């Protein structure tokens, strides 16, 4: 995506970020709806809504909230790529692998599964290595500026 901003699109506006997100989301939504109807799962939506333990309104609000949250997250990721770099955007995504399950444990009284533990376990070193590399790069720049000052 960063490559497409720099080499192909060559327009650096936040409107372009939103436009890119809208097009990708539109394609993903169309493919999902086609898949929903193609395999017949749309027939199960009413049953799924009936079985939702908090009621119909909560079911719909959960779906809408999830959709809005995903869009905000996607726009934020594209904006980070646009404003900073794709590496930093991936770091924030990796950091969310740590924060999201822990927040779900605290806020929603969720269960800690093996998959969540694995995601957290693999994400922590990734974030730590990125921060350490950033620290080393900062030291290198600082030393270079000190040697130029001497």
N, C-alpha and C. Protein backbone atom coordinates (compact mmCIF):
# COMPACT_ATOMS: atom_id res chain seq x y z
N UNK A 1 0.82 -1.18 0.00
CA UNK A 1 0.00 0.00 0.00
C UNK A 1 0.87 1.25 0.00
N UNK A 2 1.95 1.21 0.79
CA UNK A 2 2.86 2.35 0.81
C UNK A 2 3.46 2.56 -0.58
N UNK A 3 3.80 1.48 -1.26
CA UNK A 3 4.32 1.56 -2.63
C UNK A 3 3.31 2.23 -3.55
N UNK A 4 2.03 1.85 -3.42
CA UNK A 4 1.02 2.45 -4.29
C UNK A 4 0.87 3.94 -4.02
N UNK A 5 1.00 4.38 -2.77
CA UNK A 5 0.93 5.81 -2.48
C UNK A 5 2.11 6.55 -3.12
N UNK A 6 3.32 5.97 -2.99
CA UNK A 6 4.52 6.67 -3.43
C UNK A 6 4.72 6.62 -4.94
N UNK A 7 4.47 5.47 -5.56
CA UNK A 7 4.86 5.28 -6.96
C UNK A 7 3.70 5.35 -7.96
N UNK A 8 2.53 4.90 -7.57
CA UNK A 8 1.43 4.79 -8.53
C UNK A 8 0.46 5.97 -8.41
N UNK A 9 -0.04 6.21 -7.22
CA UNK A 9 -1.07 7.25 -7.04
C UNK A 9 -0.46 8.65 -7.11
N UNK A 10 0.64 8.85 -6.41
CA UNK A 10 1.39 10.10 -6.40
C UNK A 10 0.59 11.31 -5.92
N UNK A 11 -0.54 11.07 -5.32
CA UNK A 11 -1.30 12.14 -4.67
C UNK A 11 -1.26 11.87 -3.18
N UNK A 12 -0.86 12.84 -2.42
CA UNK A 12 -0.72 12.64 -0.98
C UNK A 12 -1.74 13.49 -0.24
N UNK A 13 -2.97 13.01 -0.22
CA UNK A 13 -4.03 13.69 0.52
C UNK A 13 -4.77 12.67 1.36
N UNK A 14 -5.36 13.15 2.44
CA UNK A 14 -6.12 12.23 3.28
C UNK A 14 -7.37 11.75 2.55
N UNK A 15 -7.88 12.56 1.64
CA UNK A 15 -9.03 12.12 0.82
C UNK A 15 -8.65 10.89 0.01
N UNK A 16 -7.41 10.84 -0.44
CA UNK A 16 -6.95 9.67 -1.19
C UNK A 16 -6.91 8.44 -0.29
N UNK A 17 -6.52 8.63 0.96
CA UNK A 17 -6.52 7.52 1.92
C UNK A 17 -7.93 6.98 2.09
N UNK A 18 -8.88 7.88 2.28
CA UNK A 18 -10.27 7.44 2.44
C UNK A 18 -10.80 6.79 1.17
N UNK A 19 -10.44 7.33 0.03
CA UNK A 19 -10.89 6.75 -1.23
C UNK A 19 -10.36 5.33 -1.41
N UNK A 20 -9.09 5.13 -1.08
CA UNK A 20 -8.50 3.79 -1.18
C UNK A 20 -9.21 2.82 -0.24
N UNK A 21 -9.54 3.28 0.97
CA UNK A 21 -10.23 2.43 1.93
C UNK A 21 -11.64 2.11 1.47
N UNK A 22 -12.33 3.08 0.91
CA UNK A 22 -13.70 2.86 0.44
C UNK A 22 -13.74 1.82 -0.66
N UNK A 23 -12.82 1.91 -1.62
CA UNK A 23 -12.82 0.96 -2.73
C UNK A 23 -12.51 -0.46 -2.26
N UNK A 24 -11.51 -0.61 -1.40
CA UNK A 24 -11.19 -1.96 -0.92
C UNK A 24 -12.32 -2.53 -0.07
N UNK A 25 -12.94 -1.70 0.75
CA UNK A 25 -14.06 -2.16 1.57
C UNK A 25 -15.27 -2.52 0.72
N UNK A 26 -15.50 -1.76 -0.32
CA UNK A 26 -16.63 -2.04 -1.22
C UNK A 26 -16.45 -3.40 -1.90
N UNK A 27 -15.26 -3.67 -2.38
CA UNK A 27 -14.99 -4.96 -3.02
C UNK A 27 -15.13 -6.09 -2.00
N UNK A 28 -14.58 -5.91 -0.81
CA UNK A 28 -14.67 -6.95 0.23
C UNK A 28 -16.11 -7.19 0.63
N UNK A 29 -16.90 -6.13 0.74
CA UNK A 29 -18.32 -6.28 1.11
C UNK A 29 -19.09 -7.02 0.03
N UNK A 30 -18.84 -6.69 -1.21
CA UNK A 30 -19.54 -7.37 -2.32
C UNK A 30 -19.20 -8.86 -2.34
N UNK A 31 -17.93 -9.18 -2.19
CA UNK A 31 -17.52 -10.59 -2.19
C UNK A 31 -18.15 -11.32 -1.01
N UNK A 32 -18.20 -10.69 0.15
CA UNK A 32 -18.80 -11.32 1.33
C UNK A 32 -20.29 -11.56 1.16
N UNK A 33 -21.00 -10.58 0.61
CA UNK A 33 -22.45 -10.74 0.41
C UNK A 33 -22.72 -11.82 -0.63
N UNK A 34 -21.94 -11.84 -1.69
CA UNK A 34 -22.10 -12.89 -2.71
C UNK A 34 -21.87 -14.26 -2.09
N UNK A 35 -20.82 -14.38 -1.27
CA UNK A 35 -20.54 -15.65 -0.60
C UNK A 35 -21.64 -16.05 0.37
N UNK A 36 -22.20 -15.08 1.08
CA UNK A 36 -23.29 -15.33 2.02
C UNK A 36 -24.50 -15.92 1.31
N UNK A 37 -24.84 -15.36 0.15
CA UNK A 37 -26.00 -15.87 -0.59
C UNK A 37 -25.67 -17.12 -1.39
N UNK A 38 -24.44 -17.24 -1.88
CA UNK A 38 -24.06 -18.39 -2.71
C UNK A 38 -24.08 -19.70 -1.92
N UNK A 39 -23.65 -19.67 -0.68
CA UNK A 39 -23.64 -20.93 0.08
C UNK A 39 -24.87 -21.11 0.97
N UNK A 40 -25.81 -20.18 0.91
CA UNK A 40 -27.07 -20.33 1.63
C UNK A 40 -27.03 -19.97 3.10
N UNK A 41 -25.95 -19.39 3.57
CA UNK A 41 -25.87 -19.05 4.99
C UNK A 41 -26.79 -17.91 5.39
N UNK A 42 -27.29 -17.16 4.43
CA UNK A 42 -28.20 -16.07 4.76
C UNK A 42 -29.47 -16.60 5.43
N UNK A 43 -29.81 -17.87 5.16
CA UNK A 43 -31.00 -18.47 5.77
C UNK A 43 -30.81 -18.69 7.27
N UNK A 44 -29.56 -18.79 7.70
CA UNK A 44 -29.27 -19.06 9.10
C UNK A 44 -29.18 -17.80 9.94
N UNK A 45 -29.23 -16.62 9.32
CA UNK A 45 -29.09 -15.38 10.07
C UNK A 45 -30.20 -15.18 11.09
N UNK A 46 -31.42 -15.50 10.72
CA UNK A 46 -32.54 -15.33 11.66
C UNK A 46 -32.36 -16.26 12.87
N UNK A 47 -31.96 -17.50 12.61
CA UNK A 47 -31.75 -18.45 13.71
C UNK A 47 -30.61 -17.97 14.62
N UNK A 48 -29.58 -17.45 14.00
CA UNK A 48 -28.45 -16.94 14.79
C UNK A 48 -28.89 -15.77 15.66
N UNK A 49 -29.74 -14.92 15.10
CA UNK A 49 -30.26 -13.78 15.86
C UNK A 49 -31.13 -14.26 17.02
N UNK A 50 -31.94 -15.29 16.78
CA UNK A 50 -32.81 -15.82 17.83
C UNK A 50 -32.00 -16.43 18.97
N UNK A 51 -30.87 -17.06 18.64
CA UNK A 51 -30.05 -17.72 19.65
C UNK A 51 -29.12 -16.76 20.40
N UNK A 52 -29.00 -15.53 19.93
CA UNK A 52 -28.14 -14.57 20.59
C UNK A 52 -28.73 -14.26 21.96
N UNK A 53 -27.98 -14.52 23.02
CA UNK A 53 -28.51 -14.48 24.38
C UNK A 53 -28.88 -13.09 24.89
N UNK A 54 -28.46 -12.04 24.24
CA UNK A 54 -28.78 -10.68 24.73
C UNK A 54 -29.92 -10.03 23.96
N UNK A 55 -30.50 -10.72 22.98
CA UNK A 55 -31.65 -10.18 22.26
C UNK A 55 -31.34 -9.69 20.86
N UNK A 56 -32.41 -9.41 20.11
CA UNK A 56 -32.28 -9.01 18.72
C UNK A 56 -31.56 -7.67 18.55
N UNK A 57 -31.93 -6.72 19.38
CA UNK A 57 -31.33 -5.38 19.27
C UNK A 57 -29.83 -5.45 19.54
N UNK A 58 -29.44 -6.18 20.57
CA UNK A 58 -28.02 -6.33 20.88
C UNK A 58 -27.27 -7.04 19.75
N UNK A 59 -27.93 -8.00 19.11
CA UNK A 59 -27.31 -8.71 17.99
C UNK A 59 -27.01 -7.74 16.84
N UNK A 60 -28.01 -6.94 16.48
CA UNK A 60 -27.83 -5.98 15.39
C UNK A 60 -26.79 -4.93 15.77
N UNK A 61 -26.86 -4.43 17.00
CA UNK A 61 -25.88 -3.45 17.45
C UNK A 61 -24.46 -4.02 17.47
N UNK A 62 -24.33 -5.30 17.81
CA UNK A 62 -23.03 -5.94 17.78
C UNK A 62 -22.49 -6.00 16.36
N UNK A 63 -23.34 -6.38 15.41
CA UNK A 63 -22.91 -6.42 14.00
C UNK A 63 -22.52 -5.04 13.49
N UNK A 64 -23.35 -4.04 13.79
CA UNK A 64 -23.06 -2.67 13.33
C UNK A 64 -21.79 -2.14 14.02
N UNK A 65 -21.68 -2.38 15.31
CA UNK A 65 -20.48 -1.94 16.04
C UNK A 65 -19.22 -2.58 15.51
N UNK A 66 -19.30 -3.87 15.19
CA UNK A 66 -18.15 -4.56 14.62
C UNK A 66 -17.77 -3.98 13.27
N UNK A 67 -18.76 -3.72 12.43
CA UNK A 67 -18.50 -3.15 11.10
C UNK A 67 -17.86 -1.77 11.21
N UNK A 68 -18.40 -0.94 12.08
CA UNK A 68 -17.86 0.41 12.25
C UNK A 68 -16.44 0.35 12.82
N UNK A 69 -16.22 -0.52 13.79
CA UNK A 69 -14.89 -0.66 14.39
C UNK A 69 -13.86 -1.11 13.36
N UNK A 70 -14.23 -2.08 12.53
CA UNK A 70 -13.31 -2.55 11.48
C UNK A 70 -12.98 -1.44 10.50
N UNK A 71 -13.99 -0.65 10.13
CA UNK A 71 -13.73 0.45 9.20
C UNK A 71 -12.81 1.49 9.81
N UNK A 72 -13.04 1.84 11.06
CA UNK A 72 -12.16 2.80 11.73
C UNK A 72 -10.74 2.26 11.83
N UNK A 73 -10.62 0.98 12.16
CA UNK A 73 -9.30 0.37 12.24
C UNK A 73 -8.60 0.33 10.89
N UNK A 74 -9.35 0.02 9.85
CA UNK A 74 -8.77 -0.03 8.50
C UNK A 74 -8.35 1.34 8.02
N UNK A 75 -9.19 2.34 8.23
CA UNK A 75 -8.83 3.71 7.84
C UNK A 75 -7.61 4.17 8.63
N UNK A 76 -7.55 3.82 9.90
CA UNK A 76 -6.40 4.19 10.72
C UNK A 76 -5.12 3.53 10.23
N UNK A 77 -5.21 2.26 9.85
CA UNK A 77 -4.03 1.56 9.34
C UNK A 77 -3.55 2.18 8.04
N UNK A 78 -4.47 2.49 7.14
CA UNK A 78 -4.09 3.12 5.87
C UNK A 78 -3.53 4.52 6.13
N UNK A 79 -4.11 5.24 7.08
CA UNK A 79 -3.60 6.57 7.41
C UNK A 79 -2.19 6.49 7.99
N UNK A 80 -1.93 5.48 8.83
CA UNK A 80 -0.57 5.30 9.35
C UNK A 80 0.42 5.01 8.23
N UNK A 81 0.01 4.20 7.27
CA UNK A 81 0.89 3.92 6.13
C UNK A 81 1.16 5.22 5.38
N UNK A 82 0.12 6.00 5.18
CA UNK A 82 0.23 7.26 4.45
C UNK A 82 1.10 8.27 5.20
N UNK A 83 0.89 8.41 6.51
CA UNK A 83 1.56 9.44 7.28
C UNK A 83 2.94 9.03 7.81
N UNK A 84 3.11 7.75 8.15
CA UNK A 84 4.37 7.32 8.76
C UNK A 84 5.07 6.31 7.85
N UNK A 85 4.69 5.04 7.99
CA UNK A 85 5.27 3.99 7.14
C UNK A 85 4.45 2.72 7.32
N UNK A 86 4.64 1.80 6.39
CA UNK A 86 3.93 0.53 6.49
C UNK A 86 4.46 -0.29 7.67
N UNK A 87 5.74 -0.15 7.98
CA UNK A 87 6.31 -0.88 9.11
C UNK A 87 5.67 -0.43 10.42
N UNK A 88 5.50 0.87 10.59
CA UNK A 88 4.88 1.38 11.82
C UNK A 88 3.42 0.95 11.89
N UNK A 89 2.73 0.94 10.77
CA UNK A 89 1.34 0.49 10.73
C UNK A 89 1.25 -0.97 11.16
N UNK A 90 2.19 -1.79 10.70
CA UNK A 90 2.22 -3.19 11.11
C UNK A 90 2.54 -3.34 12.59
N UNK A 91 3.39 -2.47 13.11
CA UNK A 91 3.71 -2.50 14.54
C UNK A 91 2.45 -2.24 15.36
N UNK A 92 1.67 -1.26 14.97
CA UNK A 92 0.44 -0.95 15.70
C UNK A 92 -0.53 -2.13 15.60
N UNK A 93 -0.61 -2.75 14.43
CA UNK A 93 -1.46 -3.95 14.27
C UNK A 93 -0.99 -5.08 15.17
N UNK A 94 0.32 -5.27 15.26
CA UNK A 94 0.87 -6.31 16.13
C UNK A 94 0.62 -5.98 17.60
N UNK A 95 0.74 -4.71 17.94
CA UNK A 95 0.47 -4.29 19.30
C UNK A 95 -0.99 -4.57 19.68
N UNK A 96 -1.87 -4.47 18.72
CA UNK A 96 -3.29 -4.75 19.01
C UNK A 96 -3.51 -6.24 19.32
N UNK A 97 -2.61 -7.12 18.82
CA UNK A 97 -2.71 -8.54 19.17
C UNK A 97 -2.44 -8.77 20.66
N UNK A 98 -1.75 -7.84 21.27
CA UNK A 98 -1.48 -7.93 22.70
C UNK A 98 -2.61 -7.27 23.49
N UNK A 99 -3.00 -6.09 23.08
CA UNK A 99 -3.95 -5.28 23.85
C UNK A 99 -5.38 -5.82 23.76
N UNK A 100 -5.81 -6.23 22.57
CA UNK A 100 -7.20 -6.62 22.37
C UNK A 100 -7.63 -7.80 23.24
N UNK A 101 -6.90 -8.93 23.26
CA UNK A 101 -7.33 -10.03 24.14
C UNK A 101 -7.30 -9.66 25.62
N UNK A 102 -6.31 -8.86 26.01
CA UNK A 102 -6.25 -8.45 27.42
C UNK A 102 -7.42 -7.54 27.77
N UNK A 103 -7.78 -6.63 26.86
CA UNK A 103 -8.93 -5.77 27.10
C UNK A 103 -10.22 -6.58 27.16
N UNK A 104 -10.33 -7.60 26.29
CA UNK A 104 -11.52 -8.46 26.30
C UNK A 104 -11.62 -9.23 27.62
N UNK A 105 -10.49 -9.63 28.17
CA UNK A 105 -10.49 -10.31 29.47
C UNK A 105 -11.04 -9.40 30.56
N UNK A 106 -10.60 -8.16 30.55
CA UNK A 106 -10.98 -7.23 31.61
C UNK A 106 -12.40 -6.70 31.41
N UNK A 107 -12.70 -6.23 30.20
CA UNK A 107 -13.97 -5.55 29.95
C UNK A 107 -15.14 -6.53 29.81
N UNK A 108 -14.94 -7.60 29.02
CA UNK A 108 -16.03 -8.51 28.72
C UNK A 108 -15.98 -9.81 29.50
N UNK A 109 -15.03 -9.94 30.42
CA UNK A 109 -14.87 -11.17 31.20
C UNK A 109 -14.70 -12.38 30.29
N UNK A 110 -13.93 -12.17 29.22
CA UNK A 110 -13.70 -13.20 28.21
C UNK A 110 -12.75 -14.27 28.74
N UNK A 111 -12.74 -15.43 28.07
CA UNK A 111 -11.85 -16.51 28.46
C UNK A 111 -10.53 -16.40 27.71
N UNK A 112 -9.44 -16.76 28.37
CA UNK A 112 -8.12 -16.75 27.76
C UNK A 112 -7.90 -18.13 27.12
N UNK A 113 -7.92 -18.17 25.79
CA UNK A 113 -7.76 -19.43 25.06
C UNK A 113 -6.30 -19.61 24.65
N UNK A 114 -6.00 -20.80 24.16
CA UNK A 114 -4.65 -21.10 23.70
C UNK A 114 -4.28 -20.20 22.51
N UNK A 115 -5.22 -19.94 21.62
CA UNK A 115 -4.96 -19.08 20.46
C UNK A 115 -4.61 -17.66 20.90
N UNK A 116 -5.31 -17.16 21.90
CA UNK A 116 -5.03 -15.81 22.40
C UNK A 116 -3.66 -15.76 23.07
N UNK A 117 -3.35 -16.79 23.83
CA UNK A 117 -2.04 -16.85 24.48
C UNK A 117 -0.93 -16.90 23.43
N UNK A 118 -1.14 -17.69 22.37
CA UNK A 118 -0.14 -17.78 21.30
C UNK A 118 0.04 -16.44 20.60
N UNK A 119 -1.07 -15.75 20.30
CA UNK A 119 -0.98 -14.44 19.64
C UNK A 119 -0.21 -13.45 20.50
N UNK A 120 -0.52 -13.42 21.79
CA UNK A 120 0.18 -12.51 22.70
C UNK A 120 1.65 -12.88 22.80
N UNK A 121 1.93 -14.17 22.91
CA UNK A 121 3.31 -14.64 23.05
C UNK A 121 4.16 -14.29 21.84
N UNK A 122 3.60 -14.41 20.64
CA UNK A 122 4.36 -14.09 19.44
C UNK A 122 4.42 -12.58 19.18
N UNK A 123 3.44 -11.84 19.63
CA UNK A 123 3.40 -10.40 19.38
C UNK A 123 4.38 -9.63 20.27
N UNK A 124 4.55 -10.05 21.49
CA UNK A 124 5.42 -9.31 22.42
C UNK A 124 6.85 -9.19 21.91
N UNK A 125 7.50 -10.29 21.47
CA UNK A 125 8.87 -10.12 20.94
C UNK A 125 8.91 -9.25 19.69
N UNK A 126 7.90 -9.33 18.84
CA UNK A 126 7.88 -8.51 17.63
C UNK A 126 7.88 -7.03 17.97
N UNK A 127 7.04 -6.63 18.91
CA UNK A 127 6.99 -5.23 19.34
C UNK A 127 8.30 -4.85 20.02
N UNK A 128 8.82 -5.72 20.86
CA UNK A 128 10.07 -5.43 21.57
C UNK A 128 11.24 -5.27 20.60
N UNK A 129 11.33 -6.15 19.58
CA UNK A 129 12.41 -6.04 18.61
C UNK A 129 12.31 -4.75 17.80
N UNK A 130 11.09 -4.36 17.44
CA UNK A 130 10.91 -3.11 16.71
C UNK A 130 11.37 -1.93 17.56
N UNK A 131 10.97 -1.90 18.83
CA UNK A 131 11.35 -0.79 19.69
C UNK A 131 12.86 -0.77 19.92
N UNK A 132 13.47 -1.93 20.08
CA UNK A 132 14.91 -2.01 20.28
C UNK A 132 15.65 -1.53 19.04
N UNK A 133 15.20 -1.95 17.87
CA UNK A 133 15.82 -1.52 16.61
C UNK A 133 15.67 -0.01 16.44
N UNK A 134 14.52 0.52 16.79
CA UNK A 134 14.31 1.97 16.74
C UNK A 134 15.26 2.69 17.69
N UNK A 135 15.45 2.13 18.87
CA UNK A 135 16.39 2.68 19.85
C UNK A 135 17.81 2.66 19.30
N UNK A 136 18.23 1.54 18.69
CA UNK A 136 19.58 1.45 18.11
C UNK A 136 19.77 2.45 16.98
N UNK A 137 18.76 2.62 16.15
CA UNK A 137 18.84 3.59 15.06
C UNK A 137 18.97 5.00 15.62
N UNK A 138 18.25 5.29 16.70
CA UNK A 138 18.37 6.60 17.35
C UNK A 138 19.76 6.83 17.90
N UNK A 139 20.36 5.80 18.50
CA UNK A 139 21.73 5.92 19.00
C UNK A 139 22.71 6.17 17.86
N UNK A 140 22.50 5.49 16.74
CA UNK A 140 23.39 5.66 15.58
C UNK A 140 23.32 7.10 15.06
N UNK A 141 22.12 7.65 14.98
CA UNK A 141 21.95 9.04 14.52
C UNK A 141 22.59 9.99 15.52
N UNK A 142 22.40 9.72 16.81
CA UNK A 142 22.98 10.58 17.84
C UNK A 142 24.51 10.57 17.78
N UNK A 143 25.09 9.40 17.60
CA UNK A 143 26.56 9.29 17.50
C UNK A 143 27.07 9.99 16.25
N UNK A 144 26.35 9.85 15.14
CA UNK A 144 26.76 10.50 13.91
C UNK A 144 26.71 12.01 14.05
N UNK A 145 25.70 12.54 14.72
CA UNK A 145 25.59 13.99 14.91
C UNK A 145 26.66 14.49 15.88
N UNK A 146 27.02 13.67 16.87
CA UNK A 146 28.09 14.04 17.80
C UNK A 146 29.44 14.08 17.09
N UNK A 147 29.68 13.10 16.20
CA UNK A 147 30.96 13.07 15.47
C UNK A 147 31.06 14.23 14.48
N UNK A 148 29.94 14.68 13.94
CA UNK A 148 29.95 15.84 13.05
C UNK A 148 30.19 17.13 13.84
N UNK A 149 29.72 17.16 15.09
CA UNK A 149 29.90 18.35 15.93
C UNK A 149 31.35 18.49 16.39
N UNK A 150 32.06 17.36 16.50
CA UNK A 150 33.46 17.39 16.97
C UNK A 150 34.35 17.85 15.90
